Each structure stands twice: as structure tokens, then as C-alpha cells.
Amino acid sequence: MRKLIGVIIVTSFVIGGAFLLIQNNTTRQLPKSLSESNQVAPSSSSSEIIDKLKAGGSSLSDPKGVFSILYPNDYKTDTQNNGQYIRIYKTGSTQRGQTEMYDGVIITFESITLNSQKLESFVDEHIKSSTVDGTTTVSQPKRATVVNGYPGFSYTLHGLGESTYIVLQKDTQSDYAVSISYAVMDPEKVGYQQEVDATFSTIQLLK
């Protein structure tokens, strides 16, 4: 089966001149706007960020041509595994190097080729393969979702920590999809979740 983003994502990037190892094991639940079967308008705070993104945010295009997004200018990008995964991230004022992330945001994107497989079947296979050995469980069942007008599914898996996934498709005729995993750690309550919501609302599926 094609690789999907692992339940536990370990990545490294340079912070303060040193490599910071990040384990994606503290993922918040999906905001209401992403967890309902019908898309809900973003909050007023997210709407303000969306306006700023559209006016002059940073842009990211998938090398495979599957999706593009806008994101805040103070986020950084990180490409792993020969470009298979693309991460954008931001660290907060209390974060220190050489430690697991506890203050910041990580969003990971992976473009998927379905090879004529139905999106729901693809998601079901990933959930099954991730939980077959019993070390990982489903903490939030698969549910239909709509993000920026695109249909898909969301679900949360719990292993050493929780990882929430959103898998989207341009339409049911498309042979491509994007899988998104994200983590938000906001001890200072500066509003990282609103930035995540705004970023997701700008996603464009291109094929």
C-alpha cells in the first residue's frame, strides 16, 4: 500500500543552529470548521488572517502539482524524504533547541496518487494498517469533511500520542488526493489554531 504519513512523525530542522527533533505526538482535535460533514465559516479571527494571507501571504505549490496553499510569512518550510512530505512550521517564544516541540505549529502535507482507488477505501486501508498490531487505536473515527469546498475524510489515531489526519480530493473523478497532518502546541495562547484554520481555508487542489 502506498505510504501515508506515519502516525508518529519524527522530523528534524534547524532551530538556532541546531537540529530540533520533533515528534508529532500532541495533536489537537480538528476545529469545528473541519470536523463537521458540512463546512462551517471560519471564525472572525481566522477570517482576518485569511485576508492577510490573500493580501500577501507566502505560497507553497506541491512539486507534483496536486495542491497549493497560502500560509503566514513567519512560517518556515521543510522538505523531507526527497520531497514526498512538505512541512511548514513555526516555533513560539518559549521553544528551546534540542528538545521535542512544545510551543509551535507543524503542518505536514503529502500528495497521494490513488491509482483508481476510491478515497474512502484508501483511508480505510491506512486506518487498518496503522491499527492492526494493537499499538495504535482510533480515538476519533473516520468522518466526512469538507475543507475549502473539497470533500474528504478526517480521523484521529492514538499511538504514543495523537495524530489527526485530513485527506482531501478535488472531486470523486480525481485520481489524486492530499493528506494533511498537523500539530498545534500553544502554551502562550497566541492563536496558532486560528493560523492553521486560515491556512487550510486557502488550499487549492489542482488536479
N, C-alpha and C. Protein backbone atom coordinates (compact mmCIF):
# COMPACT_ATOMS: atom_id res chain seq x y z
N MET A 1 0.85 -1.19 0.00
CA MET A 1 0.00 0.00 0.00
C MET A 1 0.89 1.24 0.00
N ARG A 2 0.48 2.26 -0.74
CA ARG A 2 1.26 3.49 -0.79
C ARG A 2 1.42 4.06 0.60
N LYS A 3 2.52 4.69 0.80
CA LYS A 3 2.81 5.22 2.13
C LYS A 3 1.98 6.46 2.40
N LEU A 4 1.40 6.52 3.58
CA LEU A 4 0.71 7.72 4.04
C LEU A 4 1.54 8.25 5.19
N ILE A 5 1.26 9.42 5.60
CA ILE A 5 2.03 9.99 6.70
C ILE A 5 1.91 9.10 7.91
N GLY A 6 3.03 8.73 8.59
CA GLY A 6 3.01 7.82 9.72
C GLY A 6 2.30 8.42 10.91
N VAL A 7 1.81 7.55 11.81
CA VAL A 7 1.13 8.04 13.00
C VAL A 7 2.07 8.87 13.85
N ILE A 8 3.32 8.45 13.93
CA ILE A 8 4.31 9.21 14.67
C ILE A 8 5.30 9.78 13.67
N ILE A 9 5.33 11.09 13.53
CA ILE A 9 6.19 11.72 12.55
C ILE A 9 7.39 12.29 13.28
N VAL A 10 8.59 11.82 12.89
CA VAL A 10 9.79 12.35 13.51
C VAL A 10 10.56 13.08 12.44
N THR A 11 10.78 14.34 12.62
CA THR A 11 11.47 15.13 11.62
C THR A 11 12.53 15.97 12.30
N SER A 12 13.37 16.58 11.54
CA SER A 12 14.39 17.45 12.11
C SER A 12 14.52 18.69 11.26
N PHE A 13 14.76 19.81 11.90
CA PHE A 13 15.04 21.03 11.17
C PHE A 13 15.89 21.91 12.06
N VAL A 14 16.48 22.92 11.46
CA VAL A 14 17.44 23.75 12.16
C VAL A 14 16.72 24.85 12.93
N ILE A 15 16.98 24.90 14.22
CA ILE A 15 16.47 25.99 15.05
C ILE A 15 17.64 26.47 15.90
N GLY A 16 17.98 27.72 15.74
CA GLY A 16 19.09 28.29 16.49
C GLY A 16 20.39 27.60 16.19
N GLY A 17 20.54 27.12 14.95
CA GLY A 17 21.78 26.50 14.52
C GLY A 17 21.91 25.05 14.90
N ALA A 18 20.93 24.46 15.53
CA ALA A 18 20.99 23.05 15.94
C ALA A 18 19.78 22.33 15.41
N PHE A 19 19.89 21.03 15.23
CA PHE A 19 18.76 20.24 14.76
C PHE A 19 17.82 19.94 15.91
N LEU A 20 16.55 20.28 15.69
CA LEU A 20 15.50 20.01 16.68
C LEU A 20 14.71 18.81 16.20
N LEU A 21 14.66 17.77 17.03
CA LEU A 21 13.88 16.60 16.69
C LEU A 21 12.46 16.80 17.19
N ILE A 22 11.50 16.61 16.28
CA ILE A 22 10.10 16.84 16.62
C ILE A 22 9.34 15.56 16.45
N GLN A 23 8.62 15.17 17.46
CA GLN A 23 7.74 14.02 17.37
C GLN A 23 6.30 14.51 17.40
N ASN A 24 5.55 14.17 16.36
CA ASN A 24 4.18 14.67 16.23
C ASN A 24 3.26 13.84 17.11
N ASN A 25 3.32 14.12 18.42
CA ASN A 25 2.55 13.29 19.34
C ASN A 25 1.62 14.09 20.25
N THR A 26 1.38 15.36 19.89
CA THR A 26 0.46 16.17 20.69
C THR A 26 -0.42 16.95 19.73
N THR A 27 -1.33 16.30 19.06
CA THR A 27 -2.15 16.93 18.04
C THR A 27 -3.52 17.26 18.60
N ARG A 28 -3.96 18.52 18.40
CA ARG A 28 -5.27 18.94 18.86
C ARG A 28 -6.36 18.31 18.01
N GLN A 29 -7.57 18.31 18.56
CA GLN A 29 -8.71 17.86 17.79
C GLN A 29 -8.96 18.84 16.65
N LEU A 30 -9.58 18.37 15.57
CA LEU A 30 -9.93 19.25 14.47
C LEU A 30 -10.85 20.35 14.96
N PRO A 31 -10.64 21.59 14.49
CA PRO A 31 -11.59 22.65 14.82
C PRO A 31 -12.94 22.33 14.21
N LYS A 32 -13.98 22.94 14.75
CA LYS A 32 -15.34 22.63 14.30
C LYS A 32 -15.48 22.78 12.80
N SER A 33 -14.82 23.81 12.24
CA SER A 33 -14.98 24.07 10.81
C SER A 33 -14.45 22.94 9.95
N LEU A 34 -13.60 22.07 10.51
CA LEU A 34 -13.04 20.98 9.74
C LEU A 34 -13.58 19.63 10.16
N SER A 35 -14.30 19.57 11.25
CA SER A 35 -14.74 18.27 11.75
C SER A 35 -16.18 17.95 11.39
N GLU A 36 -16.93 18.93 10.92
CA GLU A 36 -18.31 18.68 10.55
C GLU A 36 -18.37 18.18 9.11
N SER A 37 -19.44 17.47 8.79
CA SER A 37 -19.59 16.97 7.43
C SER A 37 -19.83 18.11 6.46
N ASN A 38 -20.39 19.22 6.91
CA ASN A 38 -20.56 20.41 6.09
C ASN A 38 -19.62 21.50 6.59
N GLN A 39 -19.01 22.19 5.65
CA GLN A 39 -18.05 23.20 6.05
C GLN A 39 -18.74 24.36 6.74
N VAL A 40 -18.12 24.85 7.82
CA VAL A 40 -18.64 25.98 8.58
C VAL A 40 -17.72 27.16 8.35
N ALA A 41 -18.29 28.36 8.28
CA ALA A 41 -17.48 29.56 8.06
C ALA A 41 -16.44 29.71 9.16
N PRO A 42 -15.23 30.16 8.81
CA PRO A 42 -14.19 30.33 9.83
C PRO A 42 -14.55 31.42 10.82
N SER A 43 -13.91 31.39 11.98
CA SER A 43 -14.15 32.42 13.00
C SER A 43 -13.67 33.77 12.49
N SER A 44 -14.09 34.83 13.17
CA SER A 44 -13.71 36.17 12.74
C SER A 44 -12.20 36.36 12.81
N SER A 45 -11.55 35.77 13.84
CA SER A 45 -10.10 35.90 13.95
C SER A 45 -9.40 35.18 12.80
N SER A 46 -9.92 34.00 12.42
CA SER A 46 -9.35 33.28 11.28
C SER A 46 -9.60 34.05 10.00
N SER A 47 -10.76 34.68 9.87
CA SER A 47 -11.08 35.45 8.67
C SER A 47 -10.10 36.59 8.48
N GLU A 48 -9.70 37.24 9.56
CA GLU A 48 -8.72 38.32 9.47
C GLU A 48 -7.38 37.80 8.95
N ILE A 49 -6.98 36.62 9.41
CA ILE A 49 -5.73 36.04 8.95
C ILE A 49 -5.84 35.64 7.48
N ILE A 50 -6.99 35.11 7.09
CA ILE A 50 -7.22 34.75 5.69
C ILE A 50 -7.04 35.97 4.80
N ASP A 51 -7.61 37.11 5.21
CA ASP A 51 -7.47 38.33 4.43
C ASP A 51 -6.00 38.72 4.27
N LYS A 52 -5.23 38.57 5.35
CA LYS A 52 -3.80 38.89 5.29
C LYS A 52 -3.06 37.93 4.37
N LEU A 53 -3.43 36.65 4.42
CA LEU A 53 -2.78 35.67 3.54
C LEU A 53 -3.04 36.01 2.08
N LYS A 54 -4.27 36.33 1.77
CA LYS A 54 -4.62 36.64 0.38
C LYS A 54 -3.96 37.93 -0.09
N ALA A 55 -3.73 38.84 0.86
CA ALA A 55 -3.11 40.12 0.50
C ALA A 55 -1.60 40.01 0.34
N GLY A 56 -0.98 39.03 0.99
CA GLY A 56 0.49 38.96 0.89
C GLY A 56 1.11 37.83 1.66
N GLY A 57 0.42 36.69 1.77
CA GLY A 57 0.99 35.54 2.47
C GLY A 57 1.99 34.80 1.60
N SER A 58 2.73 33.91 2.22
CA SER A 58 3.65 33.05 1.47
C SER A 58 2.86 31.97 0.76
N SER A 59 3.37 31.49 -0.36
CA SER A 59 2.67 30.47 -1.13
C SER A 59 3.54 29.23 -1.25
N LEU A 60 2.88 28.10 -1.35
CA LEU A 60 3.56 26.82 -1.48
C LEU A 60 2.81 25.99 -2.51
N SER A 61 3.56 25.50 -3.50
CA SER A 61 2.98 24.63 -4.53
C SER A 61 3.62 23.26 -4.45
N ASP A 62 2.81 22.24 -4.45
CA ASP A 62 3.28 20.87 -4.43
C ASP A 62 4.07 20.57 -5.70
N PRO A 63 5.30 20.02 -5.58
CA PRO A 63 6.09 19.69 -6.77
C PRO A 63 5.38 18.74 -7.73
N LYS A 64 4.44 17.94 -7.21
CA LYS A 64 3.71 17.01 -8.05
C LYS A 64 2.48 17.65 -8.69
N GLY A 65 2.23 18.91 -8.36
CA GLY A 65 1.14 19.63 -8.97
C GLY A 65 -0.24 19.26 -8.46
N VAL A 66 -0.31 18.68 -7.25
CA VAL A 66 -1.59 18.24 -6.71
C VAL A 66 -2.30 19.37 -5.95
N PHE A 67 -1.56 20.20 -5.22
CA PHE A 67 -2.19 21.22 -4.39
C PHE A 67 -1.30 22.45 -4.26
N SER A 68 -1.91 23.53 -3.81
CA SER A 68 -1.16 24.73 -3.42
C SER A 68 -1.86 25.35 -2.21
N ILE A 69 -1.12 26.12 -1.42
CA ILE A 69 -1.68 26.77 -0.24
C ILE A 69 -1.02 28.13 -0.04
N LEU A 70 -1.66 28.95 0.79
CA LEU A 70 -1.05 30.15 1.33
C LEU A 70 -0.85 29.95 2.82
N TYR A 71 0.21 30.53 3.37
CA TYR A 71 0.47 30.38 4.80
C TYR A 71 1.16 31.63 5.32
N PRO A 72 1.14 31.86 6.64
CA PRO A 72 1.73 33.08 7.21
C PRO A 72 3.22 33.20 6.89
N ASN A 73 3.66 34.43 6.71
CA ASN A 73 5.04 34.67 6.29
C ASN A 73 6.08 34.28 7.33
N ASP A 74 5.68 34.17 8.60
CA ASP A 74 6.66 33.81 9.63
C ASP A 74 6.79 32.31 9.83
N TYR A 75 6.14 31.51 8.97
CA TYR A 75 6.34 30.06 8.99
C TYR A 75 7.52 29.71 8.09
N LYS A 76 8.16 28.60 8.41
CA LYS A 76 9.26 28.10 7.60
C LYS A 76 8.82 26.81 6.90
N THR A 77 9.56 26.42 5.88
CA THR A 77 9.24 25.20 5.14
C THR A 77 10.35 24.18 5.34
N ASP A 78 9.97 22.92 5.23
CA ASP A 78 10.91 21.82 5.41
C ASP A 78 10.45 20.67 4.52
N THR A 79 11.34 20.21 3.66
CA THR A 79 11.02 19.11 2.75
C THR A 79 11.80 17.88 3.16
N GLN A 80 11.11 16.76 3.30
CA GLN A 80 11.73 15.51 3.74
C GLN A 80 11.47 14.40 2.73
N ASN A 81 12.28 13.36 2.80
CA ASN A 81 12.05 12.14 2.02
C ASN A 81 11.95 12.45 0.53
N ASN A 82 12.94 13.20 0.03
CA ASN A 82 13.00 13.54 -1.39
C ASN A 82 11.75 14.26 -1.88
N GLY A 83 11.19 15.09 -1.01
CA GLY A 83 10.04 15.88 -1.42
C GLY A 83 8.71 15.19 -1.27
N GLN A 84 8.69 13.97 -0.75
CA GLN A 84 7.41 13.29 -0.58
C GLN A 84 6.55 14.00 0.45
N TYR A 85 7.18 14.47 1.52
CA TYR A 85 6.48 15.22 2.55
C TYR A 85 6.92 16.68 2.49
N ILE A 86 5.98 17.58 2.67
CA ILE A 86 6.30 19.00 2.79
C ILE A 86 5.74 19.47 4.13
N ARG A 87 6.57 20.12 4.92
CA ARG A 87 6.14 20.63 6.21
C ARG A 87 6.30 22.13 6.27
N ILE A 88 5.35 22.79 6.89
CA ILE A 88 5.51 24.18 7.26
C ILE A 88 5.41 24.23 8.78
N TYR A 89 6.18 25.10 9.40
CA TYR A 89 6.22 25.09 10.85
C TYR A 89 6.59 26.47 11.39
N LYS A 90 6.27 26.64 12.66
CA LYS A 90 6.57 27.88 13.37
C LYS A 90 6.82 27.53 14.82
N THR A 91 7.82 28.12 15.43
CA THR A 91 8.10 27.88 16.84
C THR A 91 7.82 29.13 17.65
N GLY A 92 7.33 28.93 18.88
CA GLY A 92 6.98 30.04 19.75
C GLY A 92 8.15 30.53 20.57
N SER A 93 7.89 31.55 21.35
CA SER A 93 8.94 32.23 22.11
C SER A 93 9.53 31.36 23.22
N THR A 94 8.76 30.37 23.72
CA THR A 94 9.27 29.55 24.81
C THR A 94 10.00 28.30 24.32
N GLN A 95 9.95 28.04 23.02
CA GLN A 95 10.58 26.84 22.48
C GLN A 95 12.10 26.95 22.55
N ARG A 96 12.75 25.89 22.96
CA ARG A 96 14.20 25.85 23.02
C ARG A 96 14.72 24.73 22.13
N GLY A 97 15.93 24.90 21.62
CA GLY A 97 16.51 23.92 20.72
C GLY A 97 16.85 22.61 21.41
N GLN A 98 17.08 21.58 20.56
CA GLN A 98 17.49 20.27 21.03
C GLN A 98 16.46 19.62 21.93
N THR A 99 15.19 19.98 21.77
CA THR A 99 14.14 19.37 22.57
C THR A 99 12.96 19.06 21.67
N GLU A 100 12.06 18.22 22.19
CA GLU A 100 10.82 17.97 21.48
C GLU A 100 10.00 19.25 21.43
N MET A 101 9.26 19.45 20.35
CA MET A 101 8.49 20.69 20.25
C MET A 101 7.37 20.73 21.29
N TYR A 102 7.26 21.84 21.98
CA TYR A 102 6.19 22.05 22.95
C TYR A 102 5.55 23.42 22.78
N ASP A 103 6.07 24.24 21.88
CA ASP A 103 5.50 25.56 21.62
C ASP A 103 5.65 25.85 20.13
N GLY A 104 4.58 25.63 19.39
CA GLY A 104 4.66 25.89 17.96
C GLY A 104 3.62 25.13 17.16
N VAL A 105 3.81 25.15 15.85
CA VAL A 105 2.88 24.54 14.91
C VAL A 105 3.66 23.75 13.88
N ILE A 106 3.16 22.58 13.52
CA ILE A 106 3.70 21.81 12.40
C ILE A 106 2.52 21.34 11.56
N ILE A 107 2.58 21.58 10.27
CA ILE A 107 1.58 21.04 9.34
C ILE A 107 2.34 20.27 8.27
N THR A 108 1.96 19.03 8.06
CA THR A 108 2.64 18.17 7.09
C THR A 108 1.68 17.81 5.97
N PHE A 109 2.15 17.95 4.74
CA PHE A 109 1.36 17.64 3.55
C PHE A 109 2.01 16.50 2.77
N GLU A 110 1.18 15.62 2.23
CA GLU A 110 1.68 14.59 1.33
C GLU A 110 0.69 14.42 0.18
N SER A 111 1.18 14.53 -1.03
CA SER A 111 0.31 14.29 -2.18
C SER A 111 0.24 12.79 -2.46
N ILE A 112 -0.95 12.33 -2.83
CA ILE A 112 -1.24 10.91 -2.98
C ILE A 112 -1.74 10.64 -4.40
N THR A 113 -1.23 9.56 -5.02
CA THR A 113 -1.79 9.05 -6.26
C THR A 113 -2.65 7.84 -5.93
N LEU A 114 -3.92 7.91 -6.25
CA LEU A 114 -4.87 6.87 -5.84
C LEU A 114 -4.87 5.65 -6.75
N ASN A 115 -4.39 5.83 -7.99
CA ASN A 115 -4.40 4.70 -8.93
C ASN A 115 -5.77 4.06 -9.04
N SER A 116 -6.77 4.90 -9.23
CA SER A 116 -8.17 4.49 -9.43
C SER A 116 -8.85 3.96 -8.18
N GLN A 117 -8.18 3.98 -7.04
CA GLN A 117 -8.79 3.55 -5.79
C GLN A 117 -9.70 4.65 -5.25
N LYS A 118 -10.82 4.28 -4.67
CA LYS A 118 -11.71 5.24 -4.05
C LYS A 118 -11.04 5.85 -2.83
N LEU A 119 -11.28 7.13 -2.60
CA LEU A 119 -10.63 7.82 -1.48
C LEU A 119 -10.99 7.17 -0.16
N GLU A 120 -12.25 6.84 0.06
CA GLU A 120 -12.66 6.23 1.32
C GLU A 120 -11.97 4.89 1.54
N SER A 121 -11.81 4.12 0.47
CA SER A 121 -11.12 2.84 0.58
C SER A 121 -9.65 3.05 0.95
N PHE A 122 -9.04 4.07 0.37
CA PHE A 122 -7.65 4.40 0.69
C PHE A 122 -7.51 4.74 2.18
N VAL A 123 -8.43 5.56 2.67
CA VAL A 123 -8.40 5.96 4.08
C VAL A 123 -8.61 4.74 4.98
N ASP A 124 -9.58 3.89 4.62
CA ASP A 124 -9.86 2.69 5.42
C ASP A 124 -8.63 1.79 5.50
N GLU A 125 -7.92 1.65 4.41
CA GLU A 125 -6.72 0.81 4.40
C GLU A 125 -5.65 1.39 5.31
N HIS A 126 -5.51 2.70 5.30
CA HIS A 126 -4.50 3.31 6.17
C HIS A 126 -4.83 3.11 7.64
N ILE A 127 -6.09 3.32 7.98
CA ILE A 127 -6.51 3.13 9.37
C ILE A 127 -6.28 1.68 9.79
N LYS A 128 -6.64 0.75 8.92
CA LYS A 128 -6.48 -0.67 9.24
C LYS A 128 -5.02 -1.05 9.43
N SER A 129 -4.17 -0.60 8.51
CA SER A 129 -2.75 -0.95 8.61
C SER A 129 -2.08 -0.29 9.80
N SER A 130 -2.59 0.86 10.21
CA SER A 130 -1.99 1.59 11.33
C SER A 130 -2.39 0.99 12.68
N THR A 131 -3.51 0.27 12.72
CA THR A 131 -4.02 -0.23 14.00
C THR A 131 -3.96 -1.75 14.13
N VAL A 132 -3.45 -2.42 13.10
CA VAL A 132 -3.52 -3.88 13.08
C VAL A 132 -2.70 -4.52 14.20
N ASP A 133 -1.60 -3.90 14.62
CA ASP A 133 -0.76 -4.53 15.65
C ASP A 133 -1.19 -4.17 17.06
N GLY A 134 -2.22 -3.35 17.21
CA GLY A 134 -2.75 -3.03 18.53
C GLY A 134 -2.05 -1.91 19.28
N THR A 135 -0.95 -1.41 18.75
CA THR A 135 -0.24 -0.34 19.45
C THR A 135 -0.83 1.03 19.16
N THR A 136 -1.65 1.10 18.12
CA THR A 136 -2.32 2.35 17.76
C THR A 136 -3.81 2.10 17.70
N THR A 137 -4.59 3.04 18.21
CA THR A 137 -6.04 2.91 18.22
C THR A 137 -6.68 4.13 17.57
N VAL A 138 -7.92 3.99 17.20
CA VAL A 138 -8.68 5.10 16.63
C VAL A 138 -9.33 5.86 17.77
N SER A 139 -8.94 7.11 17.97
CA SER A 139 -9.53 7.92 19.03
C SER A 139 -10.64 8.82 18.51
N GLN A 140 -10.65 9.09 17.22
CA GLN A 140 -11.76 9.80 16.59
C GLN A 140 -12.04 9.09 15.27
N PRO A 141 -13.21 8.47 15.12
CA PRO A 141 -13.49 7.68 13.92
C PRO A 141 -13.48 8.53 12.65
N LYS A 142 -13.31 7.84 11.56
CA LYS A 142 -13.37 8.49 10.24
C LYS A 142 -14.72 9.18 10.07
N ARG A 143 -14.68 10.39 9.55
CA ARG A 143 -15.92 11.10 9.26
C ARG A 143 -15.73 11.94 8.00
N ALA A 144 -16.83 12.16 7.30
CA ALA A 144 -16.76 13.01 6.11
C ALA A 144 -16.50 14.45 6.53
N THR A 145 -15.74 15.18 5.72
CA THR A 145 -15.46 16.58 6.00
C THR A 145 -15.36 17.32 4.68
N VAL A 146 -15.45 18.62 4.75
CA VAL A 146 -15.28 19.49 3.59
C VAL A 146 -14.36 20.63 4.01
N VAL A 147 -13.28 20.83 3.28
CA VAL A 147 -12.33 21.90 3.57
C VAL A 147 -12.17 22.75 2.32
N ASN A 148 -12.50 24.01 2.44
CA ASN A 148 -12.44 24.94 1.31
C ASN A 148 -13.19 24.42 0.08
N GLY A 149 -14.28 23.72 0.34
CA GLY A 149 -15.11 23.21 -0.74
C GLY A 149 -14.72 21.84 -1.25
N TYR A 150 -13.63 21.26 -0.74
CA TYR A 150 -13.16 19.96 -1.21
C TYR A 150 -13.61 18.85 -0.26
N PRO A 151 -14.14 17.76 -0.79
CA PRO A 151 -14.62 16.67 0.06
C PRO A 151 -13.47 15.77 0.50
N GLY A 152 -13.68 15.12 1.63
CA GLY A 152 -12.67 14.18 2.11
C GLY A 152 -13.08 13.57 3.42
N PHE A 153 -12.08 13.13 4.18
CA PHE A 153 -12.32 12.46 5.46
C PHE A 153 -11.30 12.94 6.48
N SER A 154 -11.73 12.92 7.74
CA SER A 154 -10.81 13.22 8.83
C SER A 154 -10.92 12.10 9.87
N TYR A 155 -9.83 11.86 10.60
CA TYR A 155 -9.82 10.85 11.64
C TYR A 155 -8.60 11.09 12.52
N THR A 156 -8.66 10.56 13.73
CA THR A 156 -7.56 10.72 14.67
C THR A 156 -7.11 9.38 15.18
N LEU A 157 -5.80 9.14 15.16
CA LEU A 157 -5.21 7.90 15.65
C LEU A 157 -4.37 8.20 16.88
N HIS A 158 -4.42 7.29 17.84
CA HIS A 158 -3.66 7.46 19.07
C HIS A 158 -2.65 6.32 19.21
N GLY A 159 -1.38 6.69 19.24
CA GLY A 159 -0.30 5.74 19.48
C GLY A 159 0.45 6.20 20.72
N LEU A 160 1.71 6.64 20.53
CA LEU A 160 2.41 7.30 21.63
C LEU A 160 1.81 8.67 21.90
N GLY A 161 1.12 9.19 20.91
CA GLY A 161 0.40 10.44 21.00
C GLY A 161 -0.73 10.42 19.99
N GLU A 162 -1.40 11.54 19.80
CA GLU A 162 -2.50 11.60 18.85
C GLU A 162 -2.09 12.36 17.59
N SER A 163 -2.49 11.83 16.45
CA SER A 163 -2.28 12.48 15.17
C SER A 163 -3.61 12.55 14.44
N THR A 164 -3.99 13.74 14.01
CA THR A 164 -5.21 13.92 13.27
C THR A 164 -4.89 14.08 11.79
N TYR A 165 -5.65 13.40 10.97
CA TYR A 165 -5.44 13.41 9.52
C TYR A 165 -6.64 14.01 8.81
N ILE A 166 -6.38 14.75 7.77
CA ILE A 166 -7.40 15.23 6.84
C ILE A 166 -6.95 14.79 5.46
N VAL A 167 -7.77 14.04 4.75
CA VAL A 167 -7.43 13.57 3.41
C VAL A 167 -8.49 14.12 2.45
N LEU A 168 -8.05 14.92 1.47
CA LEU A 168 -8.96 15.63 0.59
C LEU A 168 -8.73 15.25 -0.87
N GLN A 169 -9.79 15.40 -1.65
CA GLN A 169 -9.78 15.09 -3.07
C GLN A 169 -10.49 16.22 -3.81
N LYS A 170 -10.00 16.57 -4.98
CA LYS A 170 -10.63 17.66 -5.74
C LYS A 170 -12.08 17.34 -6.05
N ASP A 171 -12.32 16.13 -6.50
CA ASP A 171 -13.68 15.62 -6.73
C ASP A 171 -13.58 14.11 -6.88
N THR A 172 -14.70 13.44 -6.97
CA THR A 172 -14.70 11.98 -6.99
C THR A 172 -14.09 11.41 -8.27
N GLN A 173 -13.89 12.24 -9.27
CA GLN A 173 -13.29 11.77 -10.53
C GLN A 173 -11.77 11.89 -10.51
N SER A 174 -11.23 12.60 -9.54
CA SER A 174 -9.79 12.82 -9.50
C SER A 174 -9.05 11.57 -9.04
N ASP A 175 -7.88 11.35 -9.58
CA ASP A 175 -7.05 10.22 -9.17
C ASP A 175 -5.97 10.65 -8.18
N TYR A 176 -6.14 11.84 -7.61
CA TYR A 176 -5.14 12.38 -6.68
C TYR A 176 -5.81 12.86 -5.41
N ALA A 177 -5.01 12.97 -4.36
CA ALA A 177 -5.50 13.46 -3.08
C ALA A 177 -4.33 14.08 -2.32
N VAL A 178 -4.66 14.82 -1.27
CA VAL A 178 -3.63 15.34 -0.38
C VAL A 178 -3.96 14.90 1.04
N SER A 179 -2.97 14.40 1.74
CA SER A 179 -3.12 14.02 3.15
C SER A 179 -2.41 15.07 3.99
N ILE A 180 -3.12 15.56 5.00
CA ILE A 180 -2.59 16.62 5.86
C ILE A 180 -2.60 16.12 7.30
N SER A 181 -1.49 16.31 7.99
CA SER A 181 -1.41 16.03 9.42
C SER A 181 -0.89 17.29 10.11
N TYR A 182 -1.46 17.62 11.27
CA TYR A 182 -0.97 18.83 11.91
C TYR A 182 -0.94 18.70 13.42
N ALA A 183 -0.05 19.49 14.04
CA ALA A 183 0.09 19.55 15.48
C ALA A 183 0.13 21.01 15.90
N VAL A 184 -0.57 21.34 16.96
CA VAL A 184 -0.59 22.70 17.50
C VAL A 184 -0.28 22.64 18.99
N MET A 185 0.78 23.29 19.41
CA MET A 185 1.13 23.41 20.81
C MET A 185 1.22 24.91 21.12
N ASP A 186 0.29 25.43 21.89
CA ASP A 186 0.17 26.87 22.08
C ASP A 186 0.07 27.23 23.56
N PRO A 187 1.13 27.02 24.33
CA PRO A 187 1.05 27.28 25.78
C PRO A 187 0.84 28.75 26.12
N GLU A 188 1.25 29.64 25.23
CA GLU A 188 1.10 31.08 25.48
C GLU A 188 -0.21 31.63 24.92
N LYS A 189 -0.98 30.75 24.28
CA LYS A 189 -2.29 31.12 23.72
C LYS A 189 -2.20 32.34 22.80
N VAL A 190 -1.31 32.24 21.83
CA VAL A 190 -1.12 33.35 20.89
C VAL A 190 -1.99 33.19 19.64
N GLY A 191 -2.69 32.06 19.49
CA GLY A 191 -3.61 31.92 18.37
C GLY A 191 -3.12 31.08 17.22
N TYR A 192 -2.27 30.09 17.50
CA TYR A 192 -1.78 29.23 16.42
C TYR A 192 -2.92 28.51 15.70
N GLN A 193 -3.94 28.09 16.46
CA GLN A 193 -5.01 27.33 15.83
C GLN A 193 -5.72 28.16 14.76
N GLN A 194 -5.88 29.46 15.00
CA GLN A 194 -6.52 30.32 14.01
C GLN A 194 -5.67 30.40 12.75
N GLU A 195 -4.35 30.39 12.91
CA GLU A 195 -3.45 30.41 11.76
C GLU A 195 -3.58 29.12 10.96
N VAL A 196 -3.71 28.00 11.65
CA VAL A 196 -3.89 26.71 10.99
C VAL A 196 -5.21 26.70 10.22
N ASP A 197 -6.29 27.14 10.87
CA ASP A 197 -7.59 27.19 10.22
C ASP A 197 -7.53 28.04 8.95
N ALA A 198 -6.88 29.20 9.06
CA ALA A 198 -6.79 30.10 7.92
C ALA A 198 -5.99 29.48 6.79
N THR A 199 -4.89 28.83 7.13
CA THR A 199 -4.06 28.17 6.12
C THR A 199 -4.85 27.10 5.39
N PHE A 200 -5.56 26.26 6.13
CA PHE A 200 -6.36 25.21 5.50
C PHE A 200 -7.42 25.79 4.56
N SER A 201 -7.95 26.95 4.92
CA SER A 201 -9.03 27.52 4.12
C SER A 201 -8.54 28.04 2.77
N THR A 202 -7.22 28.13 2.58
CA THR A 202 -6.69 28.61 1.30
C THR A 202 -6.24 27.48 0.39
N ILE A 203 -6.37 26.24 0.81
CA ILE A 203 -5.86 25.15 -0.01
C ILE A 203 -6.60 25.08 -1.35
N GLN A 204 -5.85 24.83 -2.40
CA GLN A 204 -6.40 24.65 -3.73
C GLN A 204 -5.92 23.29 -4.25
N LEU A 205 -6.85 22.44 -4.64
CA LEU A 205 -6.48 21.18 -5.26
C LEU A 205 -6.48 21.38 -6.77
N LEU A 206 -5.38 21.05 -7.40
CA LEU A 206 -5.15 21.43 -8.79
C LEU A 206 -5.48 20.34 -9.79
N LYS A 207 -5.56 19.11 -9.32
CA LYS A 207 -5.91 18.02 -10.25
C LYS A 207 -6.46 16.83 -9.49
